[in-house]
Amino acid sequence: MASTSTTTSGQSVIGRLRRMPAVMGPLLILIGLCIVITLITPRFLSPTNLAGLARQSAILLIAAMGVSLVIMMGGIDLSVEGIMALSSVIAALTVASVKPETGALKLGPNFNIGILGILAAVGVATLMGLVNGLLHTRLRIPSFMVTLGMLSVGIGLATWLSGGIDVRILDPMLRSWARDSIGPIPNLAVFGVVIFIIALFLERYTRFGRYIRAIGGAEDRAKLVGIPVDRYKILAFTIAGLFYGIAGVLSTSRIGAGTPMVGQGQLFAAITAVVVGGTALTGGTGGMVQTLIGALIVIVISNGMIMVGVNNWIQLAVQGVIITIAVALTMDRKKIPIIK
C-alpha cells in the first residue's frame, strides 16, 4: 500500500514538472548559477560587474534573437559573424573615423553621413538576410550551406573594404551608444530591451510569429493549410539579417572601431544561447523569452569563469559541453530526418 502511494506521489511530481512552462527549467538554472557564482566570488553582484553583464548580454541577445527566428522554423543560420563584420566596417567607413591607408573603399577624411551611414550598414545586413532567404527557398539549397557561404562573403567583403585593419571611430554619437548610460543602466542594455520587446511582439502577437512556429513544427502540414511557407522563410531570414546588422553596429560602437573580426565568437555563442534557452534545433518550439534566458546563462557562465580565473581554452571547452548537453535534451529525434 505504501509502495503504491509512493509511486502515485512520484508520478504526480513528474506530471507537475511536465506541466511547468518550458521557460522554468532554464530560469532555475540561471538563478542557481547566479547563487553559486556569488558564493564563490561576491564581486559578481557588484554594480560594475552587473553593468558589464548588461552590456555583454545586449549584443549577444540581439544576435541570438535573429538566430532563434530561423531555428524556430526548422532552419539554421551560420551567417551571423559575416553579416556583423560587413555591417561593422560599412558603419565605420561612413561615419567620422580614421580611414585605413589601404582598402578597396577610398573615402576621403570628410566623408561622414552620420546616422545615414549607420542605416546603410543595417540595410546591407538586412539585404544579406534577404539573399539568404531567397537562395534557400528559390534554389532549394539547405539553409546551413547558404548561410555558411554568406558567412564567408561577409567576412571577405569586410576585409577587402577595410584593408584588413581596424577603422577607428571618431563619431561621438556612435561611440556614445555603447559607452554611455542612462543613470545606472548602460545604453546597450536599453537597446537590448527595446529590440527584445519588438521581437517578442513579432513572435507572440503577429501572424509571422505563429507561422514560423507552424513551419518549424511541420512544414508539410503548414503548406496543406495554405501557409505561404517560402514567403515566411524569406521574411525570417531577412529579419534575422536586420538583427545581426544592429548587433554589428552596436559592437562597433562598443569597441570604438569597425573590424572584420567584430563578430568573432558570436555565432557559437548565439546558437548556444538559443539552444540552452530551450529552443530545439529541429524547430517548432522556443521563443524570445527562452532566448533571453539562454543568453544570460551563456554570459553569466563566461563571466563567472573569468572572475574565478578559468583558462580561456577551458571556457571554450565548457561552452562546447553545455551546447552538446542542451541539444541532447531539446532535440526531437522524431523530426531528425527533416532537419533543414
C-alpha atoms as a PDB file:
ATOM      1  CA  MET A   1       0.000   0.000   0.000  1.00  0.00           C
ATOM      2  CA  ALA A   2       2.803   2.395   0.950  1.00  0.00           C
ATOM      3  CA  SER A   3       4.628   1.467  -2.251  1.00  0.00           C
ATOM      4  CA  THR A   4       1.551   2.292  -4.338  1.00  0.00           C
ATOM      5  CA  SER A   5       1.191   5.616  -2.541  1.00  0.00           C
ATOM      6  CA  THR A   6       4.845   6.453  -3.128  1.00  0.00           C
ATOM      7  CA  THR A   7       4.548   5.556  -6.817  1.00  0.00           C
ATOM      8  CA  THR A   8       1.447   7.703  -7.222  1.00  0.00           C
ATOM      9  CA  SER A   9       3.153  10.596  -5.454  1.00  0.00           C
ATOM     10  CA  GLY A  10       6.201  10.250  -7.684  1.00  0.00           C
ATOM     11  CA  GLN A  11       4.036  10.219 -10.791  1.00  0.00           C
ATOM     12  CA  SER A  12       2.184  13.336  -9.649  1.00  0.00           C
ATOM     13  CA  VAL A  13       5.501  15.157  -9.145  1.00  0.00           C
ATOM     14  CA  ILE A  14       6.660  14.160 -12.626  1.00  0.00           C
ATOM     15  CA  GLY A  15       3.303  15.243 -14.015  1.00  0.00           C
ATOM     16  CA  ARG A  16       3.617  18.650 -12.377  1.00  0.00           C
ATOM     17  CA  LEU A  17       7.145  19.053 -13.738  1.00  0.00           C
ATOM     18  CA  ARG A  18       5.941  18.251 -17.237  1.00  0.00           C
ATOM     19  CA  ARG A  19       3.175  20.826 -16.942  1.00  0.00           C
ATOM     20  CA  MET A  20       5.623  23.539 -15.900  1.00  0.00           C
ATOM     21  CA  PRO A  21       6.248  26.227 -18.539  1.00  0.00           C
ATOM     22  CA  ALA A  22       9.230  25.363 -20.735  1.00  0.00           C
ATOM     23  CA  VAL A  23      10.958  28.532 -19.595  1.00  0.00           C
ATOM     24  CA  MET A  24      11.113  27.417 -15.953  1.00  0.00           C
ATOM     25  CA  GLY A  25      13.976  24.944 -16.356  1.00  0.00           C
ATOM     26  CA  PRO A  26      16.442  27.408 -17.922  1.00  0.00           C
ATOM     27  CA  LEU A  27      15.285  30.114 -15.490  1.00  0.00           C
ATOM     28  CA  LEU A  28      16.019  27.920 -12.475  1.00  0.00           C
ATOM     29  CA  ILE A  29      19.436  27.090 -13.955  1.00  0.00           C
ATOM     30  CA  LEU A  30      20.166  30.808 -14.370  1.00  0.00           C
ATOM     31  CA  ILE A  31      19.165  31.568 -10.789  1.00  0.00           C
ATOM     32  CA  GLY A  32      21.229  28.647  -9.492  1.00  0.00           C
ATOM     33  CA  LEU A  33      24.292  29.785 -11.442  1.00  0.00           C
ATOM     34  CA  CYS A  34      23.999  33.315 -10.051  1.00  0.00           C
ATOM     35  CA  ILE A  35      23.786  31.971  -6.488  1.00  0.00           C
ATOM     36  CA  VAL A  36      26.753  29.625  -6.891  1.00  0.00           C
ATOM     37  CA  ILE A  37      28.987  32.240  -8.535  1.00  0.00           C
ATOM     38  CA  THR A  38      28.048  34.831  -5.908  1.00  0.00           C
ATOM     39  CA  LEU A  39      29.021  32.401  -3.137  1.00  0.00           C
ATOM     40  CA  ILE A  40      32.386  31.824  -4.826  1.00  0.00           C
ATOM     41  CA  THR A  41      33.064  35.469  -5.627  1.00  0.00           C
ATOM     42  CA  PRO A  42      30.788  38.142  -4.098  1.00  0.00           C
ATOM     43  CA  ARG A  43      32.146  40.641  -6.645  1.00  0.00           C
ATOM     44  CA  PHE A  44      29.770  39.045  -9.144  1.00  0.00           C
ATOM     45  CA  LEU A  45      26.913  41.212  -7.832  1.00  0.00           C
ATOM     46  CA  SER A  46      28.888  44.453  -7.749  1.00  0.00           C
ATOM     47  CA  PRO A  47      27.300  47.332  -9.732  1.00  0.00           C
ATOM     48  CA  THR A  48      30.309  47.485 -12.050  1.00  0.00           C
ATOM     49  CA  ASN A  49      30.132  43.798 -12.912  1.00  0.00           C
ATOM     50  CA  LEU A  50      26.350  43.861 -13.356  1.00  0.00           C
ATOM     51  CA  ALA A  51      26.687  46.797 -15.765  1.00  0.00           C
ATOM     52  CA  GLY A  52      29.312  44.823 -17.683  1.00  0.00           C
ATOM     53  CA  LEU A  53      26.982  41.812 -17.821  1.00  0.00           C
ATOM     54  CA  ALA A  54      24.207  44.000 -19.210  1.00  0.00           C
ATOM     55  CA  ARG A  55      26.474  45.331 -21.976  1.00  0.00           C
ATOM     56  CA  GLN A  56      27.710  41.864 -22.947  1.00  0.00           C
ATOM     57  CA  SER A  57      24.240  40.332 -22.843  1.00  0.00           C
ATOM     58  CA  ALA A  58      22.638  43.008 -25.035  1.00  0.00           C
ATOM     59  CA  ILE A  59      24.711  42.347 -28.153  1.00  0.00           C
ATOM     60  CA  LEU A  60      24.557  38.566 -27.765  1.00  0.00           C
ATOM     61  CA  LEU A  61      20.795  38.727 -27.177  1.00  0.00           C
ATOM     62  CA  ILE A  62      20.164  40.756 -30.339  1.00  0.00           C
ATOM     63  CA  ALA A  63      22.196  38.325 -32.473  1.00  0.00           C
ATOM     64  CA  ALA A  64      20.634  35.292 -30.752  1.00  0.00           C
ATOM     65  CA  MET A  65      17.097  36.554 -31.389  1.00  0.00           C
ATOM     66  CA  GLY A  66      17.858  36.605 -35.106  1.00  0.00           C
ATOM     67  CA  VAL A  67      19.215  33.068 -34.920  1.00  0.00           C
ATOM     68  CA  SER A  68      16.204  31.896 -32.921  1.00  0.00           C
ATOM     69  CA  LEU A  69      13.763  33.059 -35.629  1.00  0.00           C
ATOM     70  CA  VAL A  70      15.477  30.821 -38.172  1.00  0.00           C
ATOM     71  CA  ILE A  71      15.872  27.874 -35.808  1.00  0.00           C
ATOM     72  CA  MET A  72      12.227  28.068 -34.712  1.00  0.00           C
ATOM     73  CA  MET A  73      11.166  27.439 -38.312  1.00  0.00           C
ATOM     74  CA  GLY A  74      13.486  24.439 -38.589  1.00  0.00           C
ATOM     75  CA  GLY A  75      16.452  26.058 -40.345  1.00  0.00           C
ATOM     76  CA  ILE A  76      19.888  27.189 -39.260  1.00  0.00           C
ATOM     77  CA  ASP A  77      21.740  30.463 -39.858  1.00  0.00           C
ATOM     78  CA  LEU A  78      25.537  30.421 -39.836  1.00  0.00           C
ATOM     79  CA  SER A  79      25.991  33.857 -41.401  1.00  0.00           C
ATOM     80  CA  VAL A  80      25.939  35.801 -38.122  1.00  0.00           C
ATOM     81  CA  GLU A  81      29.626  36.712 -37.992  1.00  0.00           C
ATOM     82  CA  GLY A  82      29.862  37.575 -41.694  1.00  0.00           C
ATOM     83  CA  ILE A  83      26.874  39.931 -41.613  1.00  0.00           C
ATOM     84  CA  MET A  84      28.078  41.546 -38.385  1.00  0.00           C
ATOM     85  CA  ALA A  85      31.538  42.045 -39.908  1.00  0.00           C
ATOM     86  CA  LEU A  86      30.292  43.778 -43.055  1.00  0.00           C
ATOM     87  CA  SER A  87      27.824  46.000 -41.176  1.00  0.00           C
ATOM     88  CA  SER A  88      30.600  46.969 -38.758  1.00  0.00           C
ATOM     89  CA  VAL A  89      33.027  48.023 -41.480  1.00  0.00           C
ATOM     90  CA  ILE A  90      30.379  49.870 -43.522  1.00  0.00           C
ATOM     91  CA  ALA A  91      29.233  51.788 -40.443  1.00  0.00           C
ATOM     92  CA  ALA A  92      32.829  52.715 -39.596  1.00  0.00           C
ATOM     93  CA  LEU A  93      33.649  53.845 -43.137  1.00  0.00           C
ATOM     94  CA  THR A  94      30.571  56.048 -43.455  1.00  0.00           C
ATOM     95  CA  VAL A  95      30.744  57.958 -40.170  1.00  0.00           C
ATOM     96  CA  ALA A  96      33.542  60.162 -38.847  1.00  0.00           C
ATOM     97  CA  SER A  97      36.504  57.844 -38.471  1.00  0.00           C
ATOM     98  CA  VAL A  98      40.186  57.349 -39.140  1.00  0.00           C
ATOM     99  CA  LYS A  99      40.113  55.761 -42.588  1.00  0.00           C
ATOM    100  CA  PRO A 100      42.526  52.934 -43.441  1.00  0.00           C
ATOM    101  CA  GLU A 101      45.571  53.704 -45.593  1.00  0.00           C
ATOM    102  CA  THR A 102      44.757  50.619 -47.651  1.00  0.00           C
ATOM    103  CA  GLY A 103      41.470  49.028 -48.609  1.00  0.00           C
ATOM    104  CA  ALA A 104      39.086  48.986 -51.538  1.00  0.00           C
ATOM    105  CA  LEU A 105      36.833  51.854 -50.455  1.00  0.00           C
ATOM    106  CA  LYS A 106      38.821  55.084 -50.732  1.00  0.00           C
ATOM    107  CA  LEU A 107      36.653  57.520 -48.798  1.00  0.00           C
ATOM    108  CA  GLY A 108      38.008  60.957 -48.030  1.00  0.00           C
ATOM    109  CA  PRO A 109      38.568  62.135 -44.445  1.00  0.00           C
ATOM    110  CA  ASN A 110      35.445  64.336 -44.629  1.00  0.00           C
ATOM    111  CA  PHE A 111      33.117  61.574 -45.776  1.00  0.00           C
ATOM    112  CA  ASN A 112      30.715  61.485 -42.866  1.00  0.00           C
ATOM    113  CA  ILE A 113      26.998  60.878 -43.345  1.00  0.00           C
ATOM    114  CA  GLY A 114      26.366  60.094 -39.674  1.00  0.00           C
ATOM    115  CA  ILE A 115      23.106  58.300 -38.979  1.00  0.00           C
ATOM    116  CA  LEU A 116      22.624  57.608 -42.697  1.00  0.00           C
ATOM    117  CA  GLY A 117      25.828  55.576 -42.660  1.00  0.00           C
ATOM    118  CA  ILE A 118      24.522  53.526 -39.761  1.00  0.00           C
ATOM    119  CA  LEU A 119      21.228  52.957 -41.578  1.00  0.00           C
ATOM    120  CA  ALA A 120      23.186  51.933 -44.678  1.00  0.00           C
ATOM    121  CA  ALA A 121      25.142  49.373 -42.644  1.00  0.00           C
ATOM    122  CA  VAL A 122      21.990  47.880 -41.148  1.00  0.00           C
ATOM    123  CA  GLY A 123      20.327  47.995 -44.578  1.00  0.00           C
ATOM    124  CA  VAL A 124      23.147  45.978 -46.160  1.00  0.00           C
ATOM    125  CA  ALA A 125      22.855  43.435 -43.344  1.00  0.00           C
ATOM    126  CA  THR A 126      19.107  43.167 -43.955  1.00  0.00           C
ATOM    127  CA  LEU A 127      19.741  42.686 -47.674  1.00  0.00           C
ATOM    128  CA  MET A 128      22.183  39.871 -46.917  1.00  0.00           C
ATOM    129  CA  GLY A 129      19.494  38.179 -44.829  1.00  0.00           C
ATOM    130  CA  LEU A 130      17.055  38.585 -47.741  1.00  0.00           C
ATOM    131  CA  VAL A 131      19.566  36.967 -50.102  1.00  0.00           C
ATOM    132  CA  ASN A 132      19.936  34.070 -47.644  1.00  0.00           C
ATOM    133  CA  GLY A 133      16.185  33.523 -47.720  1.00  0.00           C
ATOM    134  CA  LEU A 134      15.871  33.822 -51.491  1.00  0.00           C
ATOM    135  CA  LEU A 135      18.716  31.388 -52.201  1.00  0.00           C
ATOM    136  CA  HIS A 136      17.355  28.918 -49.657  1.00  0.00           C
ATOM    137  CA  THR A 137      13.782  28.959 -50.948  1.00  0.00           C
ATOM    138  CA  ARG A 138      14.186  29.601 -54.670  1.00  0.00           C
ATOM    139  CA  LEU A 139      17.202  27.369 -55.351  1.00  0.00           C
ATOM    140  CA  ARG A 140      16.304  24.827 -52.644  1.00  0.00           C
ATOM    141  CA  ILE A 141      19.783  24.976 -51.132  1.00  0.00           C
ATOM    142  CA  PRO A 142      19.938  23.797 -47.496  1.00  0.00           C
ATOM    143  CA  SER A 143      19.975  26.772 -45.143  1.00  0.00           C
ATOM    144  CA  PHE A 144      23.252  25.754 -43.482  1.00  0.00           C
ATOM    145  CA  MET A 145      25.039  25.778 -46.860  1.00  0.00           C
ATOM    146  CA  VAL A 146      23.564  29.118 -47.983  1.00  0.00           C
ATOM    147  CA  THR A 147      24.357  30.864 -44.714  1.00  0.00           C
ATOM    148  CA  LEU A 148      27.812  29.292 -44.466  1.00  0.00           C
ATOM    149  CA  GLY A 149      28.549  30.823 -47.862  1.00  0.00           C
ATOM    150  CA  MET A 150      27.192  34.198 -46.711  1.00  0.00           C
ATOM    151  CA  LEU A 151      29.468  33.998 -43.659  1.00  0.00           C
ATOM    152  CA  SER A 152      32.475  33.899 -45.986  1.00  0.00           C
ATOM    153  CA  VAL A 153      31.059  36.585 -48.280  1.00  0.00           C
ATOM    154  CA  GLY A 154      30.531  38.975 -45.364  1.00  0.00           C
ATOM    155  CA  ILE A 155      33.958  38.500 -43.811  1.00  0.00           C
ATOM    156  CA  GLY A 156      35.644  38.606 -47.221  1.00  0.00           C
ATOM    157  CA  LEU A 157      33.986  41.861 -48.261  1.00  0.00           C
ATOM    158  CA  ALA A 158      34.586  43.426 -44.846  1.00  0.00           C
ATOM    159  CA  THR A 159      38.292  42.554 -45.023  1.00  0.00           C
ATOM    160  CA  TRP A 160      38.532  43.872 -48.595  1.00  0.00           C
ATOM    161  CA  LEU A 161      36.825  47.173 -47.773  1.00  0.00           C
ATOM    162  CA  SER A 162      38.866  47.817 -44.637  1.00  0.00           C
ATOM    163  CA  GLY A 163      42.172  46.521 -45.955  1.00  0.00           C
ATOM    164  CA  GLY A 164      42.181  44.031 -43.093  1.00  0.00           C
ATOM    165  CA  ILE A 165      42.775  46.686 -40.437  1.00  0.00           C
ATOM    166  CA  ASP A 166      40.537  48.323 -37.854  1.00  0.00           C
ATOM    167  CA  VAL A 167      38.752  51.550 -38.805  1.00  0.00           C
ATOM    168  CA  ARG A 168      38.788  53.701 -35.666  1.00  0.00           C
ATOM    169  CA  ILE A 169      35.538  55.539 -34.924  1.00  0.00           C
ATOM    170  CA  LEU A 170      35.618  59.284 -34.155  1.00  0.00           C
ATOM    171  CA  ASP A 171      31.869  59.929 -34.416  1.00  0.00           C
ATOM    172  CA  PRO A 172      30.753  60.939 -30.891  1.00  0.00           C
ATOM    173  CA  MET A 173      27.160  59.803 -31.422  1.00  0.00           C
ATOM    174  CA  LEU A 174      28.086  56.258 -32.400  1.00  0.00           C
ATOM    175  CA  ARG A 175      30.697  55.986 -29.667  1.00  0.00           C
ATOM    176  CA  SER A 176      28.223  57.148 -27.021  1.00  0.00           C
ATOM    177  CA  TRP A 177      25.661  54.464 -27.894  1.00  0.00           C
ATOM    178  CA  ALA A 178      27.665  51.737 -26.229  1.00  0.00           C
ATOM    179  CA  ARG A 179      29.735  53.680 -23.714  1.00  0.00           C
ATOM    180  CA  ASP A 180      27.197  55.987 -22.065  1.00  0.00           C
ATOM    181  CA  SER A 181      24.474  55.138 -19.572  1.00  0.00           C
ATOM    182  CA  ILE A 182      21.054  56.365 -18.552  1.00  0.00           C
ATOM    183  CA  GLY A 183      21.647  56.624 -14.824  1.00  0.00           C
ATOM    184  CA  PRO A 184      22.989  53.219 -13.751  1.00  0.00           C
ATOM    185  CA  ILE A 185      21.597  51.499 -16.873  1.00  0.00           C
ATOM    186  CA  PRO A 186      24.012  51.148 -19.829  1.00  0.00           C
ATOM    187  CA  ASN A 187      22.717  52.376 -23.185  1.00  0.00           C
ATOM    188  CA  LEU A 188      23.432  48.956 -24.684  1.00  0.00           C
ATOM    189  CA  ALA A 189      21.027  47.378 -22.210  1.00  0.00           C
ATOM    190  CA  VAL A 190      18.335  49.861 -23.302  1.00  0.00           C
ATOM    191  CA  PHE A 191      18.902  48.909 -26.954  1.00  0.00           C
ATOM    192  CA  GLY A 192      18.701  45.231 -25.999  1.00  0.00           C
ATOM    193  CA  VAL A 193      15.433  45.659 -24.094  1.00  0.00           C
ATOM    194  CA  VAL A 194      13.768  47.696 -26.861  1.00  0.00           C
ATOM    195  CA  ILE A 195      14.701  45.203 -29.572  1.00  0.00           C
ATOM    196  CA  PHE A 196      13.686  42.298 -27.319  1.00  0.00           C
ATOM    197  CA  ILE A 197      10.216  43.839 -26.857  1.00  0.00           C
ATOM    198  CA  ILE A 198       9.858  44.270 -30.638  1.00  0.00           C
ATOM    199  CA  ALA A 199      10.963  40.679 -31.281  1.00  0.00           C
ATOM    200  CA  LEU A 200       8.667  39.361 -28.551  1.00  0.00           C
ATOM    201  CA  PHE A 201       5.737  41.217 -30.101  1.00  0.00           C
ATOM    202  CA  LEU A 202       6.541  39.725 -33.526  1.00  0.00           C
ATOM    203  CA  GLU A 203       6.723  36.241 -32.060  1.00  0.00           C
ATOM    204  CA  ARG A 204       3.677  36.360 -29.785  1.00  0.00           C
ATOM    205  CA  TYR A 205       1.177  38.696 -31.429  1.00  0.00           C
ATOM    206  CA  THR A 206       1.644  38.550 -35.206  1.00  0.00           C
ATOM    207  CA  ARG A 207       0.845  36.119 -37.976  1.00  0.00           C
ATOM    208  CA  PHE A 208       4.567  35.965 -38.714  1.00  0.00           C
ATOM    209  CA  GLY A 209       5.341  34.520 -35.281  1.00  0.00           C
ATOM    210  CA  ARG A 210       2.567  31.941 -35.471  1.00  0.00           C
ATOM    211  CA  TYR A 211       3.510  30.872 -38.973  1.00  0.00           C
ATOM    212  CA  ILE A 212       7.243  30.381 -38.405  1.00  0.00           C
ATOM    213  CA  ARG A 213       6.449  28.158 -35.424  1.00  0.00           C
ATOM    214  CA  ALA A 214       3.965  26.198 -37.543  1.00  0.00           C
ATOM    215  CA  ILE A 215       6.551  25.826 -40.320  1.00  0.00           C
ATOM    216  CA  GLY A 216       9.115  24.551 -37.838  1.00  0.00           C
ATOM    217  CA  GLY A 217       6.611  22.166 -36.273  1.00  0.00           C
ATOM    218  CA  ALA A 218       5.501  20.533 -39.528  1.00  0.00           C
ATOM    219  CA  GLU A 219       6.325  22.240 -42.808  1.00  0.00           C
ATOM    220  CA  ASP A 220       4.246  19.866 -44.939  1.00  0.00           C
ATOM    221  CA  ARG A 221       1.160  20.467 -42.824  1.00  0.00           C
ATOM    222  CA  ALA A 222       1.761  24.211 -42.934  1.00  0.00           C
ATOM    223  CA  LYS A 223       1.670  24.048 -46.737  1.00  0.00           C
ATOM    224  CA  LEU A 224      -1.522  21.970 -46.673  1.00  0.00           C
ATOM    225  CA  VAL A 225      -3.383  24.593 -44.620  1.00  0.00           C
ATOM    226  CA  GLY A 226      -2.352  27.341 -47.021  1.00  0.00           C
ATOM    227  CA  ILE A 227       0.576  28.995 -45.241  1.00  0.00           C
ATOM    228  CA  PRO A 228       2.923  30.589 -47.823  1.00  0.00           C
ATOM    229  CA  VAL A 229       5.961  28.809 -46.420  1.00  0.00           C
ATOM    230  CA  ASP A 230       8.599  30.264 -48.730  1.00  0.00           C
ATOM    231  CA  ARG A 231       7.422  33.840 -48.134  1.00  0.00           C
ATOM    232  CA  TYR A 232       7.707  33.498 -44.369  1.00  0.00           C
ATOM    233  CA  LYS A 233      11.056  31.742 -44.592  1.00  0.00           C
ATOM    234  CA  ILE A 234      12.406  34.664 -46.615  1.00  0.00           C
ATOM    235  CA  LEU A 235      10.947  37.105 -44.103  1.00  0.00           C
ATOM    236  CA  ALA A 236      12.535  35.228 -41.174  1.00  0.00           C
ATOM    237  CA  PHE A 237      15.999  35.307 -42.762  1.00  0.00           C
ATOM    238  CA  THR A 238      15.555  38.994 -43.633  1.00  0.00           C
ATOM    239  CA  ILE A 239      14.613  39.985 -40.078  1.00  0.00           C
ATOM    240  CA  ALA A 240      17.490  37.864 -38.776  1.00  0.00           C
ATOM    241  CA  GLY A 241      19.872  39.826 -41.040  1.00  0.00           C
ATOM    242  CA  LEU A 242      18.430  43.066 -39.642  1.00  0.00           C
ATOM    243  CA  PHE A 243      19.179  41.901 -36.090  1.00  0.00           C
ATOM    244  CA  TYR A 244      22.738  40.867 -36.994  1.00  0.00           C
ATOM    245  CA  GLY A 245      23.295  44.288 -38.577  1.00  0.00           C
ATOM    246  CA  ILE A 246      22.145  46.056 -35.419  1.00  0.00           C
ATOM    247  CA  ALA A 247      24.387  43.785 -33.339  1.00  0.00           C
ATOM    248  CA  GLY A 248      27.330  44.574 -35.646  1.00  0.00           C
ATOM    249  CA  VAL A 249      26.832  48.352 -35.383  1.00  0.00           C
ATOM    250  CA  LEU A 250      26.466  48.208 -31.601  1.00  0.00           C
ATOM    251  CA  SER A 251      29.601  46.049 -31.338  1.00  0.00           C
ATOM    252  CA  THR A 252      31.430  48.653 -33.426  1.00  0.00           C
ATOM    253  CA  SER A 253      30.235  51.348 -31.040  1.00  0.00           C
ATOM    254  CA  ARG A 254      31.376  49.314 -28.058  1.00  0.00           C
ATOM    255  CA  ILE A 255      34.932  48.677 -29.235  1.00  0.00           C
ATOM    256  CA  GLY A 256      35.276  52.044 -30.983  1.00  0.00           C
ATOM    257  CA  ALA A 257      36.269  50.600 -34.345  1.00  0.00           C
ATOM    258  CA  GLY A 258      34.910  48.808 -37.375  1.00  0.00           C
ATOM    259  CA  THR A 259      36.615  45.484 -37.958  1.00  0.00           C
ATOM    260  CA  PRO A 260      36.013  42.244 -39.877  1.00  0.00           C
ATOM    261  CA  MET A 261      36.573  40.416 -36.572  1.00  0.00           C
ATOM    262  CA  VAL A 262      33.764  42.203 -34.720  1.00  0.00           C
ATOM    263  CA  GLY A 263      31.520  39.134 -34.657  1.00  0.00           C
ATOM    264  CA  GLN A 264      34.188  36.594 -33.757  1.00  0.00           C
ATOM    265  CA  GLY A 265      32.700  34.002 -31.429  1.00  0.00           C
ATOM    266  CA  GLN A 266      29.160  35.374 -31.733  1.00  0.00           C
ATOM    267  CA  LEU A 267      27.880  32.536 -33.944  1.00  0.00           C
ATOM    268  CA  PHE A 268      28.689  29.811 -31.448  1.00  0.00           C
ATOM    269  CA  ALA A 269      27.551  31.921 -28.501  1.00  0.00           C
ATOM    270  CA  ALA A 270      24.255  32.828 -30.198  1.00  0.00           C
ATOM    271  CA  ILE A 271      23.397  29.233 -31.124  1.00  0.00           C
ATOM    272  CA  THR A 272      24.368  28.149 -27.610  1.00  0.00           C
ATOM    273  CA  ALA A 273      22.075  30.803 -26.115  1.00  0.00           C
ATOM    274  CA  VAL A 274      19.154  29.725 -28.291  1.00  0.00           C
ATOM    275  CA  VAL A 275      19.538  26.019 -27.548  1.00  0.00           C
ATOM    276  CA  VAL A 276      20.338  26.413 -23.836  1.00  0.00           C
ATOM    277  CA  GLY A 277      17.207  28.535 -23.545  1.00  0.00           C
ATOM    278  CA  GLY A 278      15.116  25.571 -24.672  1.00  0.00           C
ATOM    279  CA  THR A 279      14.633  26.059 -28.421  1.00  0.00           C
ATOM    280  CA  ALA A 280      15.062  22.755 -30.245  1.00  0.00           C
ATOM    281  CA  LEU A 281      17.275  22.711 -33.343  1.00  0.00           C
ATOM    282  CA  THR A 282      14.514  20.718 -35.043  1.00  0.00           C
ATOM    283  CA  GLY A 283      12.222  23.759 -34.893  1.00  0.00           C
ATOM    284  CA  GLY A 284       8.656  24.397 -33.807  1.00  0.00           C
ATOM    285  CA  THR A 285       9.442  25.272 -30.193  1.00  0.00           C
ATOM    286  CA  GLY A 286      11.091  28.034 -28.204  1.00  0.00           C
ATOM    287  CA  GLY A 287      10.747  31.775 -28.258  1.00  0.00           C
ATOM    288  CA  MET A 288      12.303  35.099 -27.376  1.00  0.00           C
ATOM    289  CA  VAL A 289      11.894  34.725 -23.618  1.00  0.00           C
ATOM    290  CA  GLN A 290      13.796  31.431 -23.747  1.00  0.00           C
ATOM    291  CA  THR A 291      16.480  33.073 -25.891  1.00  0.00           C
ATOM    292  CA  LEU A 292      16.815  35.913 -23.370  1.00  0.00           C
ATOM    293  CA  ILE A 293      17.345  33.443 -20.538  1.00  0.00           C
ATOM    294  CA  GLY A 294      19.749  31.393 -22.657  1.00  0.00           C
ATOM    295  CA  ALA A 295      21.821  34.492 -23.482  1.00  0.00           C
ATOM    296  CA  LEU A 296      22.001  35.396 -19.802  1.00  0.00           C
ATOM    297  CA  ILE A 297      23.090  31.850 -18.926  1.00  0.00           C
ATOM    298  CA  VAL A 298      25.903  31.969 -21.503  1.00  0.00           C
ATOM    299  CA  ILE A 299      27.107  35.395 -20.321  1.00  0.00           C
ATOM    300  CA  VAL A 300      26.851  34.514 -16.612  1.00  0.00           C
ATOM    301  CA  ILE A 301      28.854  31.304 -17.094  1.00  0.00           C
ATOM    302  CA  SER A 302      31.515  33.132 -19.130  1.00  0.00           C
ATOM    303  CA  ASN A 303      31.716  35.999 -16.641  1.00  0.00           C
ATOM    304  CA  GLY A 304      31.842  33.645 -13.673  1.00  0.00           C
ATOM    305  CA  MET A 305      34.691  31.624 -15.167  1.00  0.00           C
ATOM    306  CA  ILE A 306      36.643  34.802 -15.906  1.00  0.00           C
ATOM    307  CA  MET A 307      36.171  36.030 -12.335  1.00  0.00           C
ATOM    308  CA  VAL A 308      37.483  32.791 -10.846  1.00  0.00           C
ATOM    309  CA  GLY A 309      40.425  32.712 -13.277  1.00  0.00           C
ATOM    310  CA  VAL A 310      39.489  29.790 -15.533  1.00  0.00           C
ATOM    311  CA  ASN A 311      41.738  29.410 -18.581  1.00  0.00           C
ATOM    312  CA  ASN A 312      40.243  30.747 -21.858  1.00  0.00           C
ATOM    313  CA  TRP A 313      40.529  27.395 -23.595  1.00  0.00           C
ATOM    314  CA  ILE A 314      38.768  25.672 -20.716  1.00  0.00           C
ATOM    315  CA  GLN A 315      35.982  28.243 -21.038  1.00  0.00           C
ATOM    316  CA  LEU A 316      35.590  27.280 -24.699  1.00  0.00           C
ATOM    317  CA  ALA A 317      35.513  23.611 -23.773  1.00  0.00           C
ATOM    318  CA  VAL A 318      32.818  24.266 -21.162  1.00  0.00           C
ATOM    319  CA  GLN A 319      30.686  26.053 -23.769  1.00  0.00           C
ATOM    320  CA  GLY A 320      31.042  23.056 -26.057  1.00  0.00           C
ATOM    321  CA  VAL A 321      29.895  20.685 -23.315  1.00  0.00           C
ATOM    322  CA  ILE A 322      26.938  22.944 -22.489  1.00  0.00           C
ATOM    323  CA  ILE A 323      25.633  23.110 -26.051  1.00  0.00           C
ATOM    324  CA  THR A 324      26.064  19.355 -26.533  1.00  0.00           C
ATOM    325  CA  ILE A 325      24.014  18.623 -23.420  1.00  0.00           C
ATOM    326  CA  ALA A 326      21.410  21.230 -24.366  1.00  0.00           C
ATOM    327  CA  VAL A 327      20.979  19.783 -27.865  1.00  0.00           C
ATOM    328  CA  ALA A 328      20.650  16.263 -26.453  1.00  0.00           C
ATOM    329  CA  LEU A 329      17.916  17.406 -24.062  1.00  0.00           C
ATOM    330  CA  THR A 330      15.912  19.554 -26.501  1.00  0.00           C
ATOM    331  CA  MET A 331      16.132  17.766 -29.853  1.00  0.00           C
ATOM    332  CA  ASP A 332      13.014  15.981 -31.062  1.00  0.00           C
ATOM    333  CA  ARG A 333      14.544  12.860 -32.572  1.00  0.00           C
ATOM    334  CA  LYS A 334      11.334  12.022 -34.460  1.00  0.00           C
ATOM    335  CA  LYS A 335      11.979  15.070 -36.627  1.00  0.00           C
ATOM    336  CA  ILE A 336      15.666  14.470 -37.346  1.00  0.00           C
ATOM    337  CA  PRO A 337      15.057  13.248 -40.940  1.00  0.00           C
ATOM    338  CA  ILE A 338      13.581  16.635 -41.903  1.00  0.00           C
ATOM    339  CA  ILE A 339      16.188  18.928 -40.310  1.00  0.00           C
ATOM    340  CA  LYS A 340      16.938  21.645 -42.860  1.00  0.00           C
END
